Amino acid sequence: MANFHELINRNTPTLVDFYADWCAPCRMMPPILTDVKSKLGDKVNVLKVDVDKNNKAAMKYGIRSIPTVILFKSGKVVWKKVGVPQSSEILNAIKKVA
């Protein structure tokens, strides 16, 4: 599988969920991400990044609260949401950059 930097630098939008296992709101994200992926398929990559295990990535992207969802396209941050977004909000953000 491609690594984090390869995926976020692709032309295909990549949605990254920054989370931690101990975070209660973070547990709400998997069904939302599954819904987004089921609706868009190969039009989006979805990654989960544990901030406790990947603190360099969390620091690089200024993650101060979790969950934080960032949408990348061609290596650039094109959308960012702190908290738990609805799948429709994520879908709209992806459609704008796809």
PDB file of N, CA and C in Angstrom:
ATOM      1  N   MET A   1       0.838  -1.195   0.000  1.00  0.00           N
ATOM      2  CA  MET A   1       0.000   0.000   0.000  1.00  0.00           C
ATOM      3  C   MET A   1       0.879   1.254   0.000  1.00  0.00           C
ATOM      4  N   ALA A   2       0.389   2.269  -0.628  1.00  0.00           N
ATOM      5  CA  ALA A   2       1.129   3.527  -0.700  1.00  0.00           C
ATOM      6  C   ALA A   2       1.222   4.153   0.683  1.00  0.00           C
ATOM      7  N   ASN A   3       2.292   4.896   0.915  1.00  0.00           N
ATOM      8  CA  ASN A   3       2.422   5.538   2.215  1.00  0.00           C
ATOM      9  C   ASN A   3       1.638   6.854   2.250  1.00  0.00           C
ATOM     10  N   PHE A   4       1.574   7.442   3.426  1.00  0.00           N
ATOM     11  CA  PHE A   4       0.796   8.656   3.667  1.00  0.00           C
ATOM     12  C   PHE A   4       1.133   9.756   2.667  1.00  0.00           C
ATOM     13  N   HIS A   5       2.426  10.055   2.517  1.00  0.00           N
ATOM     14  CA  HIS A   5       2.833  11.163   1.647  1.00  0.00           C
ATOM     15  C   HIS A   5       2.530  10.888   0.172  1.00  0.00           C
ATOM     16  N   GLU A   6       2.656   9.635  -0.249  1.00  0.00           N
ATOM     17  CA  GLU A   6       2.305   9.287  -1.633  1.00  0.00           C
ATOM     18  C   GLU A   6       0.814   9.508  -1.870  1.00  0.00           C
ATOM     19  N   LEU A   7      -0.014   9.089  -0.913  1.00  0.00           N
ATOM     20  CA  LEU A   7      -1.462   9.218  -1.079  1.00  0.00           C
ATOM     21  C   LEU A   7      -1.918  10.668  -1.103  1.00  0.00           C
ATOM     22  N   ILE A   8      -1.410  11.490  -0.180  1.00  0.00           N
ATOM     23  CA  ILE A   8      -1.898  12.877  -0.143  1.00  0.00           C
ATOM     24  C   ILE A   8      -1.390  13.697  -1.324  1.00  0.00           C
ATOM     25  N   ASN A   9      -0.352  13.229  -1.985  1.00  0.00           N
ATOM     26  CA  ASN A   9       0.185  13.951  -3.136  1.00  0.00           C
ATOM     27  C   ASN A   9      -0.446  13.533  -4.463  1.00  0.00           C
ATOM     28  N   ARG A  10      -1.330  12.560  -4.431  1.00  0.00           N
ATOM     29  CA  ARG A  10      -2.012  12.132  -5.651  1.00  0.00           C
ATOM     30  C   ARG A  10      -3.071  13.149  -6.054  1.00  0.00           C
ATOM     31  N   ASN A  11      -3.491  13.049  -7.300  1.00  0.00           N
ATOM     32  CA  ASN A  11      -4.542  13.927  -7.807  1.00  0.00           C
ATOM     33  C   ASN A  11      -5.914  13.520  -7.261  1.00  0.00           C
ATOM     34  N   THR A  12      -6.055  12.244  -6.883  1.00  0.00           N
ATOM     35  CA  THR A  12      -7.303  11.781  -6.266  1.00  0.00           C
ATOM     36  C   THR A  12      -7.397  12.364  -4.863  1.00  0.00           C
ATOM     37  N   PRO A  13      -8.534  12.963  -4.497  1.00  0.00           N
ATOM     38  CA  PRO A  13      -8.666  13.513  -3.139  1.00  0.00           C
ATOM     39  C   PRO A  13      -8.441  12.430  -2.088  1.00  0.00           C
ATOM     40  N   THR A  14      -7.743  12.799  -1.025  1.00  0.00           N
ATOM     41  CA  THR A  14      -7.485  11.887   0.087  1.00  0.00           C
ATOM     42  C   THR A  14      -8.008  12.518   1.364  1.00  0.00           C
ATOM     43  N   LEU A  15      -8.922  11.807   2.009  1.00  0.00           N
ATOM     44  CA  LEU A  15      -9.534  12.254   3.253  1.00  0.00           C
ATOM     45  C   LEU A  15      -8.800  11.579   4.403  1.00  0.00           C
ATOM     46  N   VAL A  16      -8.241  12.386   5.306  1.00  0.00           N
ATOM     47  CA  VAL A  16      -7.477  11.849   6.433  1.00  0.00           C
ATOM     48  C   VAL A  16      -8.200  12.174   7.729  1.00  0.00           C
ATOM     49  N   ASP A  17      -8.493  11.124   8.488  1.00  0.00           N
ATOM     50  CA  ASP A  17      -9.139  11.249   9.791  1.00  0.00           C
ATOM     51  C   ASP A  17      -8.060  11.120  10.861  1.00  0.00           C
ATOM     52  N   PHE A  18      -7.747  12.226  11.538  1.00  0.00           N
ATOM     53  CA  PHE A  18      -6.807  12.206  12.653  1.00  0.00           C
ATOM     54  C   PHE A  18      -7.602  11.893  13.914  1.00  0.00           C
ATOM     55  N   TYR A  19      -7.222  10.820  14.610  1.00  0.00           N
ATOM     56  CA  TYR A  19      -8.004  10.326  15.742  1.00  0.00           C
ATOM     57  C   TYR A  19      -7.088   9.741  16.813  1.00  0.00           C
ATOM     58  N   ALA A  20      -7.699   9.306  17.922  1.00  0.00           N
ATOM     59  CA  ALA A  20      -7.002   8.520  18.948  1.00  0.00           C
ATOM     60  C   ALA A  20      -7.996   7.500  19.480  1.00  0.00           C
ATOM     61  N   ASP A  21      -7.484   6.347  19.906  1.00  0.00           N
ATOM     62  CA  ASP A  21      -8.355   5.282  20.411  1.00  0.00           C
ATOM     63  C   ASP A  21      -9.141   5.700  21.650  1.00  0.00           C
ATOM     64  N   TRP A  22      -8.586   6.571  22.478  1.00  0.00           N
ATOM     65  CA  TRP A  22      -9.239   6.984  23.721  1.00  0.00           C
ATOM     66  C   TRP A  22     -10.284   8.086  23.523  1.00  0.00           C
ATOM     67  N   CYS A  23     -10.390   8.614  22.319  1.00  0.00           N
ATOM     68  CA  CYS A  23     -11.276   9.747  22.017  1.00  0.00           C
ATOM     69  C   CYS A  23     -12.695   9.257  21.712  1.00  0.00           C
ATOM     70  N   ALA A  24     -13.650   9.604  22.577  1.00  0.00           N
ATOM     71  CA  ALA A  24     -15.039   9.159  22.390  1.00  0.00           C
ATOM     72  C   ALA A  24     -15.661   9.690  21.093  1.00  0.00           C
ATOM     73  N   PRO A  25     -15.553  11.004  20.775  1.00  0.00           N
ATOM     74  CA  PRO A  25     -16.139  11.480  19.515  1.00  0.00           C
ATOM     75  C   PRO A  25     -15.512  10.824  18.279  1.00  0.00           C
ATOM     76  N   CYS A  26     -14.251  10.420  18.391  1.00  0.00           N
ATOM     77  CA  CYS A  26     -13.578   9.773  17.263  1.00  0.00           C
ATOM     78  C   CYS A  26     -14.269   8.463  16.879  1.00  0.00           C
ATOM     79  N   ARG A  27     -14.927   7.834  17.832  1.00  0.00           N
ATOM     80  CA  ARG A  27     -15.606   6.562  17.564  1.00  0.00           C
ATOM     81  C   ARG A  27     -16.845   6.743  16.691  1.00  0.00           C
ATOM     82  N   MET A  28     -17.254   7.981  16.488  1.00  0.00           N
ATOM     83  CA  MET A  28     -18.400   8.267  15.621  1.00  0.00           C
ATOM     84  C   MET A  28     -17.989   8.330  14.147  1.00  0.00           C
ATOM     85  N   MET A  29     -16.694   8.413  13.883  1.00  0.00           N
ATOM     86  CA  MET A  29     -16.216   8.617  12.518  1.00  0.00           C
ATOM     87  C   MET A  29     -16.290   7.396  11.595  1.00  0.00           C
ATOM     88  N   PRO A  30     -15.989   6.176  12.042  1.00  0.00           N
ATOM     89  CA  PRO A  30     -15.967   5.046  11.102  1.00  0.00           C
ATOM     90  C   PRO A  30     -17.226   4.881  10.245  1.00  0.00           C
ATOM     91  N   PRO A  31     -18.451   4.952  10.801  1.00  0.00           N
ATOM     92  CA  PRO A  31     -19.607   4.813   9.904  1.00  0.00           C
ATOM     93  C   PRO A  31     -19.742   5.973   8.913  1.00  0.00           C
ATOM     94  N   ILE A  32     -19.308   7.155   9.310  1.00  0.00           N
ATOM     95  CA  ILE A  32     -19.350   8.317   8.410  1.00  0.00           C
ATOM     96  C   ILE A  32     -18.363   8.108   7.267  1.00  0.00           C
ATOM     97  N   LEU A  33     -17.153   7.679   7.596  1.00  0.00           N
ATOM     98  CA  LEU A  33     -16.131   7.439   6.569  1.00  0.00           C
ATOM     99  C   LEU A  33     -16.540   6.293   5.644  1.00  0.00           C
ATOM    100  N   THR A  34     -17.159   5.267   6.203  1.00  0.00           N
ATOM    101  CA  THR A  34     -17.638   4.139   5.401  1.00  0.00           C
ATOM    102  C   THR A  34     -18.705   4.600   4.416  1.00  0.00           C
ATOM    103  N   ASP A  35     -19.598   5.475   4.881  1.00  0.00           N
ATOM    104  CA  ASP A  35     -20.649   6.017   4.015  1.00  0.00           C
ATOM    105  C   ASP A  35     -20.046   6.815   2.860  1.00  0.00           C
ATOM    106  N   VAL A  36     -19.077   7.681   3.182  1.00  0.00           N
ATOM    107  CA  VAL A  36     -18.415   8.494   2.153  1.00  0.00           C
ATOM    108  C   VAL A  36     -17.735   7.583   1.125  1.00  0.00           C
ATOM    109  N   LYS A  37     -16.992   6.605   1.607  1.00  0.00           N
ATOM    110  CA  LYS A  37     -16.267   5.698   0.715  1.00  0.00           C
ATOM    111  C   LYS A  37     -17.236   4.884  -0.141  1.00  0.00           C
ATOM    112  N   SER A  38     -18.352   4.450   0.445  1.00  0.00           N
ATOM    113  CA  SER A  38     -19.316   3.644  -0.321  1.00  0.00           C
ATOM    114  C   SER A  38     -19.971   4.475  -1.420  1.00  0.00           C
ATOM    115  N   LYS A  39     -20.147   5.765  -1.191  1.00  0.00           N
ATOM    116  CA  LYS A  39     -20.776   6.627  -2.195  1.00  0.00           C
ATOM    117  C   LYS A  39     -19.800   7.069  -3.278  1.00  0.00           C
ATOM    118  N   LEU A  40     -18.518   7.198  -2.939  1.00  0.00           N
ATOM    119  CA  LEU A  40     -17.548   7.723  -3.911  1.00  0.00           C
ATOM    120  C   LEU A  40     -16.577   6.676  -4.449  1.00  0.00           C
ATOM    121  N   GLY A  41     -16.423   5.572  -3.769  1.00  0.00           N
ATOM    122  CA  GLY A  41     -15.541   4.499  -4.247  1.00  0.00           C
ATOM    123  C   GLY A  41     -14.124   4.976  -4.495  1.00  0.00           C
ATOM    124  N   ASP A  42     -13.634   4.729  -5.717  1.00  0.00           N
ATOM    125  CA  ASP A  42     -12.250   5.067  -6.072  1.00  0.00           C
ATOM    126  C   ASP A  42     -12.033   6.560  -6.313  1.00  0.00           C
ATOM    127  N   LYS A  43     -13.064   7.369  -6.193  1.00  0.00           N
ATOM    128  CA  LYS A  43     -12.918   8.810  -6.393  1.00  0.00           C
ATOM    129  C   LYS A  43     -12.300   9.491  -5.181  1.00  0.00           C
ATOM    130  N   VAL A  44     -12.111   8.730  -4.082  1.00  0.00           N
ATOM    131  CA  VAL A  44     -11.503   9.280  -2.871  1.00  0.00           C
ATOM    132  C   VAL A  44     -10.721   8.181  -2.150  1.00  0.00           C
ATOM    133  N   ASN A  45      -9.596   8.574  -1.555  1.00  0.00           N
ATOM    134  CA  ASN A  45      -8.853   7.694  -0.654  1.00  0.00           C
ATOM    135  C   ASN A  45      -9.221   8.116   0.760  1.00  0.00           C
ATOM    136  N   VAL A  46      -9.361   7.154   1.654  1.00  0.00           N
ATOM    137  CA  VAL A  46      -9.675   7.458   3.045  1.00  0.00           C
ATOM    138  C   VAL A  46      -8.607   6.821   3.930  1.00  0.00           C
ATOM    139  N   LEU A  47      -8.006   7.654   4.783  1.00  0.00           N
ATOM    140  CA  LEU A  47      -6.980   7.189   5.709  1.00  0.00           C
ATOM    141  C   LEU A  47      -7.351   7.566   7.134  1.00  0.00           C
ATOM    142  N   LYS A  48      -6.926   6.738   8.076  1.00  0.00           N
ATOM    143  CA  LYS A  48      -7.068   7.077   9.483  1.00  0.00           C
ATOM    144  C   LYS A  48      -5.658   7.174  10.054  1.00  0.00           C
ATOM    145  N   VAL A  49      -5.386   8.256  10.781  1.00  0.00           N
ATOM    146  CA  VAL A  49      -4.063   8.468  11.366  1.00  0.00           C
ATOM    147  C   VAL A  49      -4.222   8.633  12.878  1.00  0.00           C
ATOM    148  N   ASP A  50      -3.648   7.703  13.623  1.00  0.00           N
ATOM    149  CA  ASP A  50      -3.678   7.748  15.088  1.00  0.00           C
ATOM    150  C   ASP A  50      -2.649   8.788  15.543  1.00  0.00           C
ATOM    151  N   VAL A  51      -3.117   9.863  16.173  1.00  0.00           N
ATOM    152  CA  VAL A  51      -2.219  10.955  16.558  1.00  0.00           C
ATOM    153  C   VAL A  51      -1.230  10.532  17.635  1.00  0.00           C
ATOM    154  N   ASP A  52      -1.578   9.523  18.436  1.00  0.00           N
ATOM    155  CA  ASP A  52      -0.649   9.051  19.461  1.00  0.00           C
ATOM    156  C   ASP A  52       0.523   8.286  18.845  1.00  0.00           C
ATOM    157  N   LYS A  53       0.285   7.623  17.728  1.00  0.00           N
ATOM    158  CA  LYS A  53       1.327   6.841  17.066  1.00  0.00           C
ATOM    159  C   LYS A  53       2.039   7.632  15.977  1.00  0.00           C
ATOM    160  N   ASN A  54       1.427   8.723  15.525  1.00  0.00           N
ATOM    161  CA  ASN A  54       1.981   9.523  14.428  1.00  0.00           C
ATOM    162  C   ASN A  54       1.983  10.999  14.803  1.00  0.00           C
ATOM    163  N   ASN A  55       2.630  11.324  15.914  1.00  0.00           N
ATOM    164  CA  ASN A  55       2.567  12.706  16.404  1.00  0.00           C
ATOM    165  C   ASN A  55       3.285  13.692  15.479  1.00  0.00           C
ATOM    166  N   LYS A  56       4.237  13.233  14.667  1.00  0.00           N
ATOM    167  CA  LYS A  56       4.895  14.151  13.727  1.00  0.00           C
ATOM    168  C   LYS A  56       3.897  14.648  12.685  1.00  0.00           C
ATOM    169  N   ALA A  57       3.086  13.740  12.151  1.00  0.00           N
ATOM    170  CA  ALA A  57       2.072  14.137  11.166  1.00  0.00           C
ATOM    171  C   ALA A  57       1.049  15.062  11.818  1.00  0.00           C
ATOM    172  N   ALA A  58       0.655  14.735  13.047  1.00  0.00           N
ATOM    173  CA  ALA A  58      -0.319  15.570  13.754  1.00  0.00           C
ATOM    174  C   ALA A  58       0.241  16.977  13.972  1.00  0.00           C
ATOM    175  N   MET A  59       1.500  17.077  14.354  1.00  0.00           N
ATOM    176  CA  MET A  59       2.117  18.380  14.566  1.00  0.00           C
ATOM    177  C   MET A  59       2.250  19.141  13.251  1.00  0.00           C
ATOM    178  N   LYS A  60       2.642  18.445  12.195  1.00  0.00           N
ATOM    179  CA  LYS A  60       2.837  19.087  10.891  1.00  0.00           C
ATOM    180  C   LYS A  60       1.556  19.751  10.388  1.00  0.00           C
ATOM    181  N   TYR A  61       0.412  19.127  10.647  1.00  0.00           N
ATOM    182  CA  TYR A  61      -0.856  19.656  10.148  1.00  0.00           C
ATOM    183  C   TYR A  61      -1.657  20.387  11.226  1.00  0.00           C
ATOM    184  N   GLY A  62      -1.015  20.710  12.339  1.00  0.00           N
ATOM    185  CA  GLY A  62      -1.626  21.548  13.362  1.00  0.00           C
ATOM    186  C   GLY A  62      -2.837  20.936  14.041  1.00  0.00           C
ATOM    187  N   ILE A  63      -2.794  19.623  14.263  1.00  0.00           N
ATOM    188  CA  ILE A  63      -3.916  18.953  14.909  1.00  0.00           C
ATOM    189  C   ILE A  63      -3.862  19.244  16.406  1.00  0.00           C
ATOM    190  N   ARG A  64      -4.835  20.004  16.894  1.00  0.00           N
ATOM    191  CA  ARG A  64      -4.899  20.352  18.314  1.00  0.00           C
ATOM    192  C   ARG A  64      -6.100  19.712  18.994  1.00  0.00           C
ATOM    193  N   SER A  65      -7.116  19.370  18.217  1.00  0.00           N
ATOM    194  CA  SER A  65      -8.309  18.693  18.721  1.00  0.00           C
ATOM    195  C   SER A  65      -8.620  17.537  17.791  1.00  0.00           C
ATOM    196  N   ILE A  66      -9.179  16.485  18.374  1.00  0.00           N
ATOM    197  CA  ILE A  66      -9.564  15.339  17.552  1.00  0.00           C
ATOM    198  C   ILE A  66     -11.013  14.989  17.843  1.00  0.00           C
ATOM    199  N   PRO A  67     -11.722  14.457  16.872  1.00  0.00           N
ATOM    200  CA  PRO A  67     -11.231  14.174  15.533  1.00  0.00           C
ATOM    201  C   PRO A  67     -11.067  15.443  14.702  1.00  0.00           C
ATOM    202  N   THR A  68     -10.087  15.414  13.834  1.00  0.00           N
ATOM    203  CA  THR A  68      -9.920  16.435  12.803  1.00  0.00           C
ATOM    204  C   THR A  68      -9.829  15.697  11.482  1.00  0.00           C
ATOM    205  N   VAL A  69     -10.609  16.147  10.508  1.00  0.00           N
ATOM    206  CA  VAL A  69     -10.618  15.533   9.183  1.00  0.00           C
ATOM    207  C   VAL A  69     -10.047  16.553   8.204  1.00  0.00           C
ATOM    208  N   ILE A  70      -9.053  16.115   7.437  1.00  0.00           N
ATOM    209  CA  ILE A  70      -8.428  16.991   6.438  1.00  0.00           C
ATOM    210  C   ILE A  70      -8.546  16.324   5.072  1.00  0.00           C
ATOM    211  N   LEU A  71      -8.947  17.113   4.089  1.00  0.00           N
ATOM    212  CA  LEU A  71      -9.009  16.646   2.714  1.00  0.00           C
ATOM    213  C   LEU A  71      -7.819  17.224   1.957  1.00  0.00           C
ATOM    214  N   PHE A  72      -7.033  16.324   1.373  1.00  0.00           N
ATOM    215  CA  PHE A  72      -5.862  16.711   0.583  1.00  0.00           C
ATOM    216  C   PHE A  72      -6.132  16.429  -0.875  1.00  0.00           C
ATOM    217  N   LYS A  73      -5.566  17.276  -1.740  1.00  0.00           N
ATOM    218  CA  LYS A  73      -5.545  17.000  -3.174  1.00  0.00           C
ATOM    219  C   LYS A  73      -4.230  17.530  -3.709  1.00  0.00           C
ATOM    220  N   SER A  74      -3.499  16.671  -4.374  1.00  0.00           N
ATOM    221  CA  SER A  74      -2.186  17.015  -4.933  1.00  0.00           C
ATOM    222  C   SER A  74      -1.267  17.615  -3.870  1.00  0.00           C
ATOM    223  N   GLY A  75      -1.321  17.066  -2.658  1.00  0.00           N
ATOM    224  CA  GLY A  75      -0.440  17.489  -1.581  1.00  0.00           C
ATOM    225  C   GLY A  75      -0.879  18.723  -0.821  1.00  0.00           C
ATOM    226  N   LYS A  76      -1.978  19.330  -1.232  1.00  0.00           N
ATOM    227  CA  LYS A  76      -2.445  20.560  -0.584  1.00  0.00           C
ATOM    228  C   LYS A  76      -3.676  20.285   0.265  1.00  0.00           C
ATOM    229  N   VAL A  77      -3.759  20.981   1.399  1.00  0.00           N
ATOM    230  CA  VAL A  77      -4.955  20.921   2.229  1.00  0.00           C
ATOM    231  C   VAL A  77      -6.021  21.759   1.540  1.00  0.00           C
ATOM    232  N   VAL A  78      -7.131  21.112   1.169  1.00  0.00           N
ATOM    233  CA  VAL A  78      -8.194  21.834   0.470  1.00  0.00           C
ATOM    234  C   VAL A  78      -9.444  21.999   1.343  1.00  0.00           C
ATOM    235  N   TRP A  79      -9.495  21.292   2.473  1.00  0.00           N
ATOM    236  CA  TRP A  79     -10.630  21.404   3.385  1.00  0.00           C
ATOM    237  C   TRP A  79     -10.232  20.785   4.722  1.00  0.00           C
ATOM    238  N   LYS A  80     -10.704  21.378   5.801  1.00  0.00           N
ATOM    239  CA  LYS A  80     -10.365  20.885   7.134  1.00  0.00           C
ATOM    240  C   LYS A  80     -11.561  21.086   8.053  1.00  0.00           C
ATOM    241  N   LYS A  81     -11.849  20.084   8.865  1.00  0.00           N
ATOM    242  CA  LYS A  81     -12.961  20.171   9.812  1.00  0.00           C
ATOM    243  C   LYS A  81     -12.515  19.587  11.145  1.00  0.00           C
ATOM    244  N   VAL A  82     -12.664  20.382  12.200  1.00  0.00           N
ATOM    245  CA  VAL A  82     -12.398  19.915  13.555  1.00  0.00           C
ATOM    246  C   VAL A  82     -13.738  19.476  14.135  1.00  0.00           C
ATOM    247  N   GLY A  83     -13.768  18.280  14.704  1.00  0.00           N
ATOM    248  CA  GLY A  83     -15.018  17.739  15.232  1.00  0.00           C
ATOM    249  C   GLY A  83     -15.546  16.666  14.301  1.00  0.00           C
ATOM    250  N   VAL A  84     -16.784  16.263  14.536  1.00  0.00           N
ATOM    251  CA  VAL A  84     -17.391  15.182  13.766  1.00  0.00           C
ATOM    252  C   VAL A  84     -18.298  15.771  12.683  1.00  0.00           C
ATOM    253  N   PRO A  85     -17.858  15.732  11.425  1.00  0.00           N
ATOM    254  CA  PRO A  85     -18.700  16.253  10.344  1.00  0.00           C
ATOM    255  C   PRO A  85     -19.736  15.212   9.922  1.00  0.00           C
ATOM    256  N   GLN A  86     -20.789  15.673   9.308  1.00  0.00           N
ATOM    257  CA  GLN A  86     -21.760  14.762   8.699  1.00  0.00           C
ATOM    258  C   GLN A  86     -21.184  14.279   7.371  1.00  0.00           C
ATOM    259  N   SER A  87     -21.613  13.108   6.924  1.00  0.00           N
ATOM    260  CA  SER A  87     -21.090  12.593   5.653  1.00  0.00           C
ATOM    261  C   SER A  87     -21.433  13.539   4.502  1.00  0.00           C
ATOM    262  N   SER A  88     -22.600  14.199   4.565  1.00  0.00           N
ATOM    263  CA  SER A  88     -22.979  15.131   3.491  1.00  0.00           C
ATOM    264  C   SER A  88     -22.006  16.303   3.400  1.00  0.00           C
ATOM    265  N   GLU A  89     -21.510  16.762   4.536  1.00  0.00           N
ATOM    266  CA  GLU A  89     -20.538  17.858   4.555  1.00  0.00           C
ATOM    267  C   GLU A  89     -19.228  17.426   3.888  1.00  0.00           C
ATOM    268  N   ILE A  90     -18.799  16.213   4.187  1.00  0.00           N
ATOM    269  CA  ILE A  90     -17.577  15.680   3.583  1.00  0.00           C
ATOM    270  C   ILE A  90     -17.780  15.481   2.083  1.00  0.00           C
ATOM    271  N   LEU A  91     -18.904  14.903   1.708  1.00  0.00           N
ATOM    272  CA  LEU A  91     -19.197  14.672   0.289  1.00  0.00           C
ATOM    273  C   LEU A  91     -19.190  15.976  -0.502  1.00  0.00           C
ATOM    274  N   ASN A  92     -19.787  17.028   0.061  1.00  0.00           N
ATOM    275  CA  ASN A  92     -19.798  18.326  -0.609  1.00  0.00           C
ATOM    276  C   ASN A  92     -18.396  18.886  -0.787  1.00  0.00           C
ATOM    277  N   ALA A  93     -17.553  18.729   0.241  1.00  0.00           N
ATOM    278  CA  ALA A  93     -16.174  19.215   0.150  1.00  0.00           C
ATOM    279  C   ALA A  93     -15.407  18.472  -0.934  1.00  0.00           C
ATOM    280  N   ILE A  94     -15.613  17.161  -1.009  1.00  0.00           N
ATOM    281  CA  ILE A  94     -14.908  16.354  -2.018  1.00  0.00           C
ATOM    282  C   ILE A  94     -15.399  16.713  -3.416  1.00  0.00           C
ATOM    283  N   LYS A  95     -16.694  16.894  -3.585  1.00  0.00           N
ATOM    284  CA  LYS A  95     -17.245  17.235  -4.897  1.00  0.00           C
ATOM    285  C   LYS A  95     -16.687  18.556  -5.406  1.00  0.00           C
ATOM    286  N   LYS A  96     -16.401  19.493  -4.516  1.00  0.00           N
ATOM    287  CA  LYS A  96     -15.859  20.788  -4.920  1.00  0.00           C
ATOM    288  C   LYS A  96     -14.456  20.690  -5.501  1.00  0.00           C
ATOM    289  N   VAL A  97     -13.697  19.679  -5.075  1.00  0.00           N
ATOM    290  CA  VAL A  97     -12.306  19.573  -5.526  1.00  0.00           C
ATOM    291  C   VAL A  97     -12.072  18.405  -6.492  1.00  0.00           C
ATOM    292  N   ALA A  98     -13.055  17.544  -6.656  1.00  0.00           N
ATOM    293  CA  ALA A  98     -12.872  16.345  -7.490  1.00  0.00           C
ATOM    294  C   ALA A  98     -12.817  16.670  -8.962  1.00  0.00           C
TER     295      ALA A  98
END
